[in-house]
Amino acid sequence: HRASPECNACHQTMDVIGLGLENYDAIGEFRTMDA
Protein backbone atom coordinates (compact mmCIF):
# COMPACT_ATOMS: atom_id res chain seq x y z
CA HIS A 1 0.00 0.00 0.00
CA ARG A 2 2.81 2.41 0.91
CA ALA A 3 4.49 1.71 -2.43
CA SER A 4 1.89 4.04 -3.96
CA PRO A 5 3.26 7.62 -3.81
CA GLU A 6 -0.23 9.01 -3.14
CA CYS A 7 -0.76 6.73 -0.16
CA ASN A 8 2.79 6.80 1.18
CA ALA A 9 2.54 10.41 2.34
CA CYS A 10 0.06 9.47 5.08
CA HIS A 11 0.73 5.82 5.68
CA GLN A 12 4.49 6.03 6.18
CA THR A 13 3.75 7.65 9.54
CA MET A 14 0.41 6.11 10.54
CA ASP A 15 1.23 2.47 9.82
CA VAL A 16 4.23 2.33 12.15
CA ILE A 17 2.19 2.90 15.30
CA GLY A 18 -0.57 0.59 14.11
CA LEU A 19 1.90 -2.20 13.37
CA GLY A 20 3.46 -1.65 16.79
CA LEU A 21 0.07 -2.49 18.30
CA GLU A 22 -0.76 -5.35 15.90
CA ASN A 23 -0.31 -8.01 18.58
CA TYR A 24 -3.69 -6.83 19.92
CA ASP A 25 -6.80 -7.69 17.94
CA ALA A 26 -9.95 -5.56 17.61
CA ILE A 27 -11.09 -6.38 21.15
CA GLY A 28 -7.63 -6.05 22.72
CA GLU A 29 -6.82 -9.74 22.99
CA PHE A 30 -3.11 -10.52 22.64
CA ARG A 31 -2.11 -12.63 19.65
CA THR A 32 1.14 -13.69 18.03
CA MET A 33 -0.28 -14.69 14.62
CA ASP A 34 -2.34 -12.55 12.25
CA ALA A 35 -5.56 -13.57 10.47
Full PDB file with SEQRES, HELIX, SHEET, SSBOND, CRYST1, ORIGX, SCALE, CONECT and MASTER records, all heavy atoms in Angstrom:
SEQRES   1 A   35  HIS ARG ALA SER PRO GLU CYS ASN ALA CYS HIS GLN THR          
SEQRES   2 A   35  MET ASP VAL ILE GLY LEU GLY LEU GLU ASN TYR ASP ALA          
SEQRES   3 A   35  ILE GLY GLU PHE ARG THR MET ASP ALA                          
HELIX    1 AA1 PRO A    5  GLY A   20  1                                  16    
CRYST1    1.000    1.000    1.000  90.00  90.00  90.00 P 1           1          
ORIGX1      1.000000  0.000000  0.000000        0.00000                         
ORIGX2      0.000000  1.000000  0.000000        0.00000                         
ORIGX3      0.000000  0.000000  1.000000        0.00000                         
SCALE1      1.000000  0.000000  0.000000        0.00000                         
SCALE2      0.000000  1.000000  0.000000        0.00000                         
SCALE3      0.000000  0.000000  1.000000        0.00000                         
ATOM      1  N   HIS A   1       0.839  -1.209   0.000  1.00  0.00           N  
ATOM      2  CA  HIS A   1       0.000   0.000   0.000  1.00  0.00           C  
ATOM      3  C   HIS A   1       0.875   1.262   0.000  1.00  0.00           C  
ATOM      4  O   HIS A   1       0.621   2.206  -0.733  1.00  0.00           O  
ATOM      5  CB  HIS A   1      -0.912  -0.031   1.233  1.00  0.00           C  
ATOM      6  CG  HIS A   1      -1.917   1.055   1.295  1.00  0.00           C  
ATOM      7  ND1 HIS A   1      -3.007   1.110   0.480  1.00  0.00           N  
ATOM      8  CD2 HIS A   1      -1.993   2.137   2.099  1.00  0.00           C  
ATOM      9  CE1 HIS A   1      -3.720   2.172   0.771  1.00  0.00           C  
ATOM     10  NE2 HIS A   1      -3.131   2.807   1.754  1.00  0.00           N  
ATOM     11  N   ARG A   2       1.925   1.245   0.829  1.00  0.00           N  
ATOM     12  CA  ARG A   2       2.811   2.409   0.913  1.00  0.00           C  
ATOM     13  C   ARG A   2       3.658   2.592  -0.342  1.00  0.00           C  
ATOM     14  O   ARG A   2       4.243   3.655  -0.539  1.00  0.00           O  
ATOM     15  CB  ARG A   2       3.714   2.296   2.146  1.00  0.00           C  
ATOM     16  CG  ARG A   2       3.002   2.557   3.447  1.00  0.00           C  
ATOM     17  CD  ARG A   2       3.957   2.649   4.623  1.00  0.00           C  
ATOM     18  NE  ARG A   2       4.871   1.526   4.737  1.00  0.00           N  
ATOM     19  CZ  ARG A   2       4.602   0.390   5.359  1.00  0.00           C  
ATOM     20  NH1 ARG A   2       3.434   0.212   5.934  1.00  0.00           N  
ATOM     21  NH2 ARG A   2       5.512  -0.569   5.414  1.00  0.00           N  
ATOM     22  N   ALA A   3       3.724   1.587  -1.185  1.00  0.00           N  
ATOM     23  CA  ALA A   3       4.489   1.707  -2.431  1.00  0.00           C  
ATOM     24  C   ALA A   3       3.849   2.721  -3.381  1.00  0.00           C  
ATOM     25  O   ALA A   3       4.513   3.257  -4.264  1.00  0.00           O  
ATOM     26  CB  ALA A   3       4.612   0.341  -3.119  1.00  0.00           C  
ATOM     27  N   SER A   4       2.582   3.025  -3.163  1.00  0.00           N  
ATOM     28  CA  SER A   4       1.891   4.041  -3.961  1.00  0.00           C  
ATOM     29  C   SER A   4       2.273   5.423  -3.442  1.00  0.00           C  
ATOM     30  O   SER A   4       2.060   5.716  -2.270  1.00  0.00           O  
ATOM     31  CB  SER A   4       0.379   3.849  -3.848  1.00  0.00           C  
ATOM     32  OG  SER A   4      -0.301   4.975  -4.355  1.00  0.00           O  
ATOM     33  N   PRO A   5       2.844   6.284  -4.286  1.00  0.00           N  
ATOM     34  CA  PRO A   5       3.263   7.619  -3.806  1.00  0.00           C  
ATOM     35  C   PRO A   5       2.124   8.420  -3.174  1.00  0.00           C  
ATOM     36  O   PRO A   5       2.342   9.135  -2.207  1.00  0.00           O  
ATOM     37  CB  PRO A   5       3.770   8.314  -5.071  1.00  0.00           C  
ATOM     38  CG  PRO A   5       4.074   7.213  -6.025  1.00  0.00           C  
ATOM     39  CD  PRO A   5       3.151   6.081  -5.696  1.00  0.00           C  
ATOM     40  N   GLU A   6       0.901   8.265  -3.690  1.00  0.00           N  
ATOM     41  CA  GLU A   6      -0.225   9.014  -3.143  1.00  0.00           C  
ATOM     42  C   GLU A   6      -0.561   8.561  -1.726  1.00  0.00           C  
ATOM     43  O   GLU A   6      -0.949   9.350  -0.879  1.00  0.00           O  
ATOM     44  CB  GLU A   6      -1.483   8.854  -4.017  1.00  0.00           C  
ATOM     45  CG  GLU A   6      -1.333   9.391  -5.417  1.00  0.00           C  
ATOM     46  CD  GLU A   6      -0.835   8.314  -6.386  1.00  0.00           C  
ATOM     47  OE1 GLU A   6      -0.564   7.168  -5.953  1.00  0.00           O  
ATOM     48  OE2 GLU A   6      -0.710   8.624  -7.569  1.00  0.00           O  
ATOM     49  N   CYS A   7      -0.410   7.279  -1.466  1.00  0.00           N  
ATOM     50  CA  CYS A   7      -0.764   6.731  -0.157  1.00  0.00           C  
ATOM     51  C   CYS A   7       0.392   6.823   0.834  1.00  0.00           C  
ATOM     52  O   CYS A   7       0.171   6.918   2.040  1.00  0.00           O  
ATOM     53  CB  CYS A   7      -1.189   5.271  -0.300  1.00  0.00           C  
ATOM     54  SG  CYS A   7      -2.645   5.070  -1.348  1.00  0.00           S  
ATOM     55  N   ASN A   8       1.615   6.809   0.323  1.00  0.00           N  
ATOM     56  CA  ASN A   8       2.790   6.798   1.181  1.00  0.00           C  
ATOM     57  C   ASN A   8       2.863   8.024   2.074  1.00  0.00           C  
ATOM     58  O   ASN A   8       3.273   7.922   3.229  1.00  0.00           O  
ATOM     59  CB  ASN A   8       4.060   6.675   0.343  1.00  0.00           C  
ATOM     60  CG  ASN A   8       5.285   6.537   1.200  1.00  0.00           C  
ATOM     61  OD1 ASN A   8       5.749   7.513   1.775  1.00  0.00           O  
ATOM     62  ND2 ASN A   8       5.802   5.335   1.285  1.00  0.00           N  
ATOM     63  N   ALA A   9       2.440   9.169   1.577  1.00  0.00           N  
ATOM     64  CA  ALA A   9       2.545  10.415   2.344  1.00  0.00           C  
ATOM     65  C   ALA A   9       1.891  10.300   3.712  1.00  0.00           C  
ATOM     66  O   ALA A   9       2.436  10.782   4.708  1.00  0.00           O  
ATOM     67  CB  ALA A   9       1.926  11.572   1.557  1.00  0.00           C  
ATOM     68  N   CYS A  10       0.753   9.639   3.784  1.00  0.00           N  
ATOM     69  CA  CYS A  10       0.063   9.468   5.076  1.00  0.00           C  
ATOM     70  C   CYS A  10       0.512   8.206   5.791  1.00  0.00           C  
ATOM     71  O   CYS A  10       0.793   8.220   6.986  1.00  0.00           O  
ATOM     72  CB  CYS A  10      -1.443   9.370   4.871  1.00  0.00           C  
ATOM     73  SG  CYS A  10      -2.207  10.851   4.224  1.00  0.00           S  
ATOM     74  N   HIS A  11       0.549   7.120   5.055  1.00  0.00           N  
ATOM     75  CA  HIS A  11       0.727   5.816   5.678  1.00  0.00           C  
ATOM     76  C   HIS A  11       2.143   5.542   6.172  1.00  0.00           C  
ATOM     77  O   HIS A  11       2.329   4.688   7.028  1.00  0.00           O  
ATOM     78  CB  HIS A  11       0.239   4.712   4.738  1.00  0.00           C  
ATOM     79  CG  HIS A  11      -1.244   4.660   4.680  1.00  0.00           C  
ATOM     80  ND1 HIS A  11      -1.989   3.932   5.574  1.00  0.00           N  
ATOM     81  CD2 HIS A  11      -2.130   5.287   3.866  1.00  0.00           C  
ATOM     82  CE1 HIS A  11      -3.270   4.104   5.307  1.00  0.00           C  
ATOM     83  NE2 HIS A  11      -3.390   4.916   4.275  1.00  0.00           N  
ATOM     84  N   GLN A  12       3.138   6.257   5.664  1.00  0.00           N  
ATOM     85  CA  GLN A  12       4.489   6.030   6.183  1.00  0.00           C  
ATOM     86  C   GLN A  12       4.594   6.394   7.649  1.00  0.00           C  
ATOM     87  O   GLN A  12       5.418   5.853   8.376  1.00  0.00           O  
ATOM     88  CB  GLN A  12       5.522   6.801   5.370  1.00  0.00           C  
ATOM     89  CG  GLN A  12       5.461   8.303   5.568  1.00  0.00           C  
ATOM     90  CD  GLN A  12       6.518   9.023   4.763  1.00  0.00           C  
ATOM     91  OE1 GLN A  12       7.466   8.418   4.295  1.00  0.00           O  
ATOM     92  NE2 GLN A  12       6.360  10.314   4.601  1.00  0.00           N  
ATOM     93  N   THR A  13       3.736   7.283   8.121  1.00  0.00           N  
ATOM     94  CA  THR A  13       3.751   7.646   9.541  1.00  0.00           C  
ATOM     95  C   THR A  13       2.689   6.896  10.338  1.00  0.00           C  
ATOM     96  O   THR A  13       2.945   6.446  11.439  1.00  0.00           O  
ATOM     97  CB  THR A  13       3.559   9.158   9.732  1.00  0.00           C  
ATOM     98  OG1 THR A  13       2.348   9.552   9.112  1.00  0.00           O  
ATOM     99  CG2 THR A  13       4.713   9.941   9.153  1.00  0.00           C  
ATOM    100  N   MET A  14       1.506   6.739   9.787  1.00  0.00           N  
ATOM    101  CA  MET A  14       0.408   6.108  10.536  1.00  0.00           C  
ATOM    102  C   MET A  14       0.626   4.619  10.751  1.00  0.00           C  
ATOM    103  O   MET A  14       0.326   4.095  11.824  1.00  0.00           O  
ATOM    104  CB  MET A  14      -0.916   6.302   9.799  1.00  0.00           C  
ATOM    105  CG  MET A  14      -1.386   7.721   9.740  1.00  0.00           C  
ATOM    106  SD  MET A  14      -3.048   7.885   9.057  1.00  0.00           S  
ATOM    107  CE  MET A  14      -2.974   6.950   7.544  1.00  0.00           C  
ATOM    108  N   ASP A  15       1.130   3.920   9.744  1.00  0.00           N  
ATOM    109  CA  ASP A  15       1.233   2.467   9.819  1.00  0.00           C  
ATOM    110  C   ASP A  15       2.183   1.997  10.910  1.00  0.00           C  
ATOM    111  O   ASP A  15       1.965   0.950  11.510  1.00  0.00           O  
ATOM    112  CB  ASP A  15       1.678   1.889   8.472  1.00  0.00           C  
ATOM    113  CG  ASP A  15       0.619   2.053   7.388  1.00  0.00           C  
ATOM    114  OD1 ASP A  15      -0.501   2.494   7.713  1.00  0.00           O  
ATOM    115  OD2 ASP A  15       0.924   1.752   6.226  1.00  0.00           O  
ATOM    116  N   VAL A  16       3.227   2.754  11.177  1.00  0.00           N  
ATOM    117  CA  VAL A  16       4.226   2.325  12.150  1.00  0.00           C  
ATOM    118  C   VAL A  16       3.603   2.106  13.529  1.00  0.00           C  
ATOM    119  O   VAL A  16       3.832   1.075  14.173  1.00  0.00           O  
ATOM    120  CB  VAL A  16       5.385   3.349  12.236  1.00  0.00           C  
ATOM    121  CG1 VAL A  16       6.348   2.986  13.340  1.00  0.00           C  
ATOM    122  CG2 VAL A  16       6.102   3.431  10.908  1.00  0.00           C  
ATOM    123  N   ILE A  17       2.815   3.044  13.987  1.00  0.00           N  
ATOM    124  CA  ILE A  17       2.194   2.904  15.303  1.00  0.00           C  
ATOM    125  C   ILE A  17       1.165   1.779  15.287  1.00  0.00           C  
ATOM    126  O   ILE A  17       1.097   0.968  16.209  1.00  0.00           O  
ATOM    127  CB  ILE A  17       1.590   4.236  15.777  1.00  0.00           C  
ATOM    128  CG1 ILE A  17       2.725   5.222  16.057  1.00  0.00           C  
ATOM    129  CG2 ILE A  17       0.726   4.037  17.018  1.00  0.00           C  
ATOM    130  CD1 ILE A  17       2.289   6.602  16.448  1.00  0.00           C  
ATOM    131  N   GLY A  18       0.397   1.677  14.218  1.00  0.00           N  
ATOM    132  CA  GLY A  18      -0.574   0.586  14.106  1.00  0.00           C  
ATOM    133  C   GLY A  18       0.087  -0.774  14.120  1.00  0.00           C  
ATOM    134  O   GLY A  18      -0.380  -1.702  14.807  1.00  0.00           O  
ATOM    135  N   LEU A  19       1.177  -0.922  13.388  1.00  0.00           N  
ATOM    136  CA  LEU A  19       1.897  -2.198  13.373  1.00  0.00           C  
ATOM    137  C   LEU A  19       2.526  -2.492  14.732  1.00  0.00           C  
ATOM    138  O   LEU A  19       2.638  -3.649  15.122  1.00  0.00           O  
ATOM    139  CB  LEU A  19       2.949  -2.207  12.265  1.00  0.00           C  
ATOM    140  CG  LEU A  19       2.373  -2.291  10.850  1.00  0.00           C  
ATOM    141  CD1 LEU A  19       3.457  -2.023   9.816  1.00  0.00           C  
ATOM    142  CD2 LEU A  19       1.714  -3.639  10.612  1.00  0.00           C  
ATOM    143  N   GLY A  20       2.920  -1.470  15.450  1.00  0.00           N  
ATOM    144  CA  GLY A  20       3.460  -1.654  16.793  1.00  0.00           C  
ATOM    145  C   GLY A  20       2.429  -2.209  17.765  1.00  0.00           C  
ATOM    146  O   GLY A  20       2.774  -2.818  18.782  1.00  0.00           O  
ATOM    147  N   LEU A  21       1.164  -2.009  17.449  1.00  0.00           N  
ATOM    148  CA  LEU A  21       0.071  -2.494  18.301  1.00  0.00           C  
ATOM    149  C   LEU A  21      -0.637  -3.709  17.703  1.00  0.00           C  
ATOM    150  O   LEU A  21      -1.666  -4.150  18.207  1.00  0.00           O  
ATOM    151  CB  LEU A  21      -0.947  -1.361  18.514  1.00  0.00           C  
ATOM    152  CG  LEU A  21      -0.403  -0.129  19.213  1.00  0.00           C  
ATOM    153  CD1 LEU A  21      -1.421   1.010  19.163  1.00  0.00           C  
ATOM    154  CD2 LEU A  21      -0.019  -0.449  20.645  1.00  0.00           C  
ATOM    155  N   GLU A  22      -0.085  -4.271  16.631  1.00  0.00           N  
ATOM    156  CA  GLU A  22      -0.764  -5.349  15.905  1.00  0.00           C  
ATOM    157  C   GLU A  22      -0.933  -6.630  16.719  1.00  0.00           C  
ATOM    158  O   GLU A  22      -1.792  -7.454  16.408  1.00  0.00           O  
ATOM    159  CB  GLU A  22      -0.037  -5.657  14.592  1.00  0.00           C  
ATOM    160  CG  GLU A  22      -0.864  -6.539  13.694  1.00  0.00           C  
ATOM    161  CD  GLU A  22      -0.167  -6.942  12.416  1.00  0.00           C  
ATOM    162  OE1 GLU A  22       0.989  -6.551  12.195  1.00  0.00           O  
ATOM    163  OE2 GLU A  22      -0.804  -7.677  11.650  1.00  0.00           O  
ATOM    164  N   ASN A  23      -0.131  -6.812  17.759  1.00  0.00           N  
ATOM    165  CA  ASN A  23      -0.314  -8.007  18.585  1.00  0.00           C  
ATOM    166  C   ASN A  23      -1.675  -8.024  19.285  1.00  0.00           C  
ATOM    167  O   ASN A  23      -2.077  -9.048  19.822  1.00  0.00           O  
ATOM    168  CB  ASN A  23       0.779  -8.115  19.654  1.00  0.00           C  
ATOM    169  CG  ASN A  23       2.069  -8.666  19.119  1.00  0.00           C  
ATOM    170  OD1 ASN A  23       3.110  -8.034  19.233  1.00  0.00           O  
ATOM    171  ND2 ASN A  23       2.037  -9.844  18.520  1.00  0.00           N  
ATOM    172  N   TYR A  24      -2.384  -6.909  19.270  1.00  0.00           N  
ATOM    173  CA  TYR A  24      -3.688  -6.826  19.915  1.00  0.00           C  
ATOM    174  C   TYR A  24      -4.764  -6.759  18.845  1.00  0.00           C  
ATOM    175  O   TYR A  24      -4.725  -5.909  17.955  1.00  0.00           O  
ATOM    176  CB  TYR A  24      -3.759  -5.602  20.834  1.00  0.00           C  
ATOM    177  CG  TYR A  24      -2.695  -5.680  21.895  1.00  0.00           C  
ATOM    178  CD1 TYR A  24      -1.461  -5.074  21.722  1.00  0.00           C  
ATOM    179  CD2 TYR A  24      -2.908  -6.416  23.053  1.00  0.00           C  
ATOM    180  CE1 TYR A  24      -0.464  -5.177  22.682  1.00  0.00           C  
ATOM    181  CE2 TYR A  24      -1.918  -6.540  24.019  1.00  0.00           C  
ATOM    182  CZ  TYR A  24      -0.694  -5.914  23.820  1.00  0.00           C  
ATOM    183  OH  TYR A  24       0.281  -6.030  24.761  1.00  0.00           O  
ATOM    184  N   ASP A  25      -5.739  -7.675  18.936  1.00  0.00           N  
ATOM    185  CA  ASP A  25      -6.801  -7.689  17.937  1.00  0.00           C  
ATOM    186  C   ASP A  25      -7.825  -6.594  18.231  1.00  0.00           C  
ATOM    187  O   ASP A  25      -7.620  -5.756  19.111  1.00  0.00           O  
ATOM    188  CB  ASP A  25      -7.432  -9.079  17.838  1.00  0.00           C  
ATOM    189  CG  ASP A  25      -8.225  -9.489  19.079  1.00  0.00           C  
ATOM    190  OD1 ASP A  25      -8.476  -8.638  19.960  1.00  0.00           O  
ATOM    191  OD2 ASP A  25      -8.593 -10.674  19.163  1.00  0.00           O  
ATOM    192  N   ALA A  26      -8.943  -6.624  17.513  1.00  0.00           N  
ATOM    193  CA  ALA A  26      -9.947  -5.558  17.606  1.00  0.00           C  
ATOM    194  C   ALA A  26     -10.555  -5.409  19.000  1.00  0.00           C  
ATOM    195  O   ALA A  26     -11.026  -4.328  19.358  1.00  0.00           O  
ATOM    196  CB  ALA A  26     -11.053  -5.793  16.582  1.00  0.00           C  
ATOM    197  N   ILE A  27     -10.532  -6.474  19.799  1.00  0.00           N  
ATOM    198  CA  ILE A  27     -11.091  -6.378  21.152  1.00  0.00           C  
ATOM    199  C   ILE A  27      -9.995  -6.359  22.214  1.00  0.00           C  
ATOM    200  O   ILE A  27     -10.269  -6.503  23.401  1.00  0.00           O  
ATOM    201  CB  ILE A  27     -12.118  -7.490  21.435  1.00  0.00           C  
ATOM    202  CG1 ILE A  27     -11.492  -8.875  21.315  1.00  0.00           C  
ATOM    203  CG2 ILE A  27     -13.330  -7.344  20.531  1.00  0.00           C  
ATOM    204  CD1 ILE A  27     -12.373  -9.994  21.847  1.00  0.00           C  
ATOM    205  N   GLY A  28      -8.738  -6.193  21.788  1.00  0.00           N  
ATOM    206  CA  GLY A  28      -7.634  -6.047  22.723  1.00  0.00           C  
ATOM    207  C   GLY A  28      -7.017  -7.344  23.205  1.00  0.00           C  
ATOM    208  O   GLY A  28      -6.182  -7.341  24.099  1.00  0.00           O  
ATOM    209  N   GLU A  29      -7.403  -8.462  22.606  1.00  0.00           N  
ATOM    210  CA  GLU A  29      -6.816  -9.744  22.990  1.00  0.00           C  
ATOM    211  C   GLU A  29      -5.441  -9.887  22.348  1.00  0.00           C  
ATOM    212  O   GLU A  29      -5.259  -9.584  21.166  1.00  0.00           O  
ATOM    213  CB  GLU A  29      -7.724 -10.893  22.543  1.00  0.00           C  
ATOM    214  CG  GLU A  29      -7.272 -12.234  23.050  1.00  0.00           C  
ATOM    215  CD  GLU A  29      -8.273 -13.337  22.729  1.00  0.00           C  
ATOM    216  OE1 GLU A  29      -9.431 -13.047  22.419  1.00  0.00           O  
ATOM    217  OE2 GLU A  29      -7.870 -14.505  22.807  1.00  0.00           O  
ATOM    218  N   PHE A  30      -4.475 -10.355  23.136  1.00  0.00           N  
ATOM    219  CA  PHE A  30      -3.111 -10.520  22.638  1.00  0.00           C  
ATOM    220  C   PHE A  30      -3.051 -11.712  21.697  1.00  0.00           C  
ATOM    221  O   PHE A  30      -3.671 -12.748  21.934  1.00  0.00           O  
ATOM    222  CB  PHE A  30      -2.136 -10.726  23.802  1.00  0.00           C  
ATOM    223  CG  PHE A  30      -0.702 -10.718  23.368  1.00  0.00           C  
ATOM    224  CD1 PHE A  30      -0.036  -9.519  23.192  1.00  0.00           C  
ATOM    225  CD2 PHE A  30      -0.035 -11.897  23.103  1.00  0.00           C  
ATOM    226  CE1 PHE A  30       1.288  -9.492  22.776  1.00  0.00           C  
ATOM    227  CE2 PHE A  30       1.296 -11.888  22.692  1.00  0.00           C  
ATOM    228  CZ  PHE A  30       1.948 -10.683  22.530  1.00  0.00           C  
ATOM    229  N   ARG A  31      -2.300 -11.547  20.623  1.00  0.00           N  
ATOM    230  CA  ARG A  31      -2.114 -12.626  19.654  1.00  0.00           C  
ATOM    231  C   ARG A  31      -0.699 -12.558  19.104  1.00  0.00           C  
ATOM    232  O   ARG A  31      -0.074 -11.487  19.128  1.00  0.00           O  
ATOM    233  CB  ARG A  31      -3.136 -12.524  18.526  1.00  0.00           C  
ATOM    234  CG  ARG A  31      -3.001 -11.211  17.764  1.00  0.00           C  
ATOM    235  CD  ARG A  31      -4.140 -10.951  16.828  1.00  0.00           C  
ATOM    236  NE  ARG A  31      -3.878  -9.675  16.142  1.00  0.00           N  
ATOM    237  CZ  ARG A  31      -4.218  -9.430  14.915  1.00  0.00           C  
ATOM    238  NH1 ARG A  31      -4.859 -10.332  14.208  1.00  0.00           N  
ATOM    239  NH2 ARG A  31      -3.940  -8.268  14.375  1.00  0.00           N  
ATOM    240  N   THR A  32      -0.197 -13.664  18.630  1.00  0.00           N  
ATOM    241  CA  THR A  32       1.143 -13.695  18.025  1.00  0.00           C  
ATOM    242  C   THR A  32       1.072 -13.948  16.526  1.00  0.00           C  
ATOM    243  O   THR A  32       2.043 -13.715  15.817  1.00  0.00           O  
ATOM    244  CB  THR A  32       2.021 -14.776  18.673  1.00  0.00           C  
ATOM    245  OG1 THR A  32       1.375 -16.043  18.546  1.00  0.00           O  
ATOM    246  CG2 THR A  32       2.275 -14.456  20.140  1.00  0.00           C  
ATOM    247  N   MET A  33      -0.085 -14.412  16.040  1.00  0.00           N  
ATOM    248  CA  MET A  33      -0.284 -14.695  14.624  1.00  0.00           C  
ATOM    249  C   MET A  33      -1.413 -13.806  14.099  1.00  0.00           C  
ATOM    250  O   MET A  33      -2.390 -13.556  14.798  1.00  0.00           O  
ATOM    251  CB  MET A  33      -0.654 -16.166  14.415  1.00  0.00           C  
ATOM    252  CG  MET A  33       0.330 -17.148  15.045  1.00  0.00           C  
ATOM    253  SD  MET A  33       1.976 -17.072  14.344  1.00  0.00           S  
ATOM    254  CE  MET A  33       1.784 -18.088  12.921  1.00  0.00           C  
ATOM    255  N   ASP A  34      -1.282 -13.366  12.837  1.00  0.00           N  
ATOM    256  CA  ASP A  34      -2.343 -12.547  12.253  1.00  0.00           C  
ATOM    257  C   ASP A  34      -3.431 -13.443  11.649  1.00  0.00           C  
ATOM    258  O   ASP A  34      -3.371 -14.673  11.750  1.00  0.00           O  
ATOM    259  CB  ASP A  34      -1.771 -11.557  11.236  1.00  0.00           C  
ATOM    260  CG  ASP A  34      -1.225 -12.200   9.971  1.00  0.00           C  
ATOM    261  OD1 ASP A  34      -1.471 -13.398   9.724  1.00  0.00           O  
ATOM    262  OD2 ASP A  34      -0.531 -11.495   9.213  1.00  0.00           O  
ATOM    263  N   ALA A  35      -4.419 -12.831  11.021  1.00  0.00           N  
ATOM    264  CA  ALA A  35      -5.559 -13.567  10.469  1.00  0.00           C  
ATOM    265  C   ALA A  35      -5.140 -14.564   9.389  1.00  0.00           C  
ATOM    266  O   ALA A  35      -5.842 -15.553   9.159  1.00  0.00           O  
ATOM    267  CB  ALA A  35      -6.584 -12.584   9.915  1.00  0.00           C  
TER     268      ALA A  35                                                      
MASTER        0    0    0    1    0    0    0    6  267    1    0    3          
END                                                                             
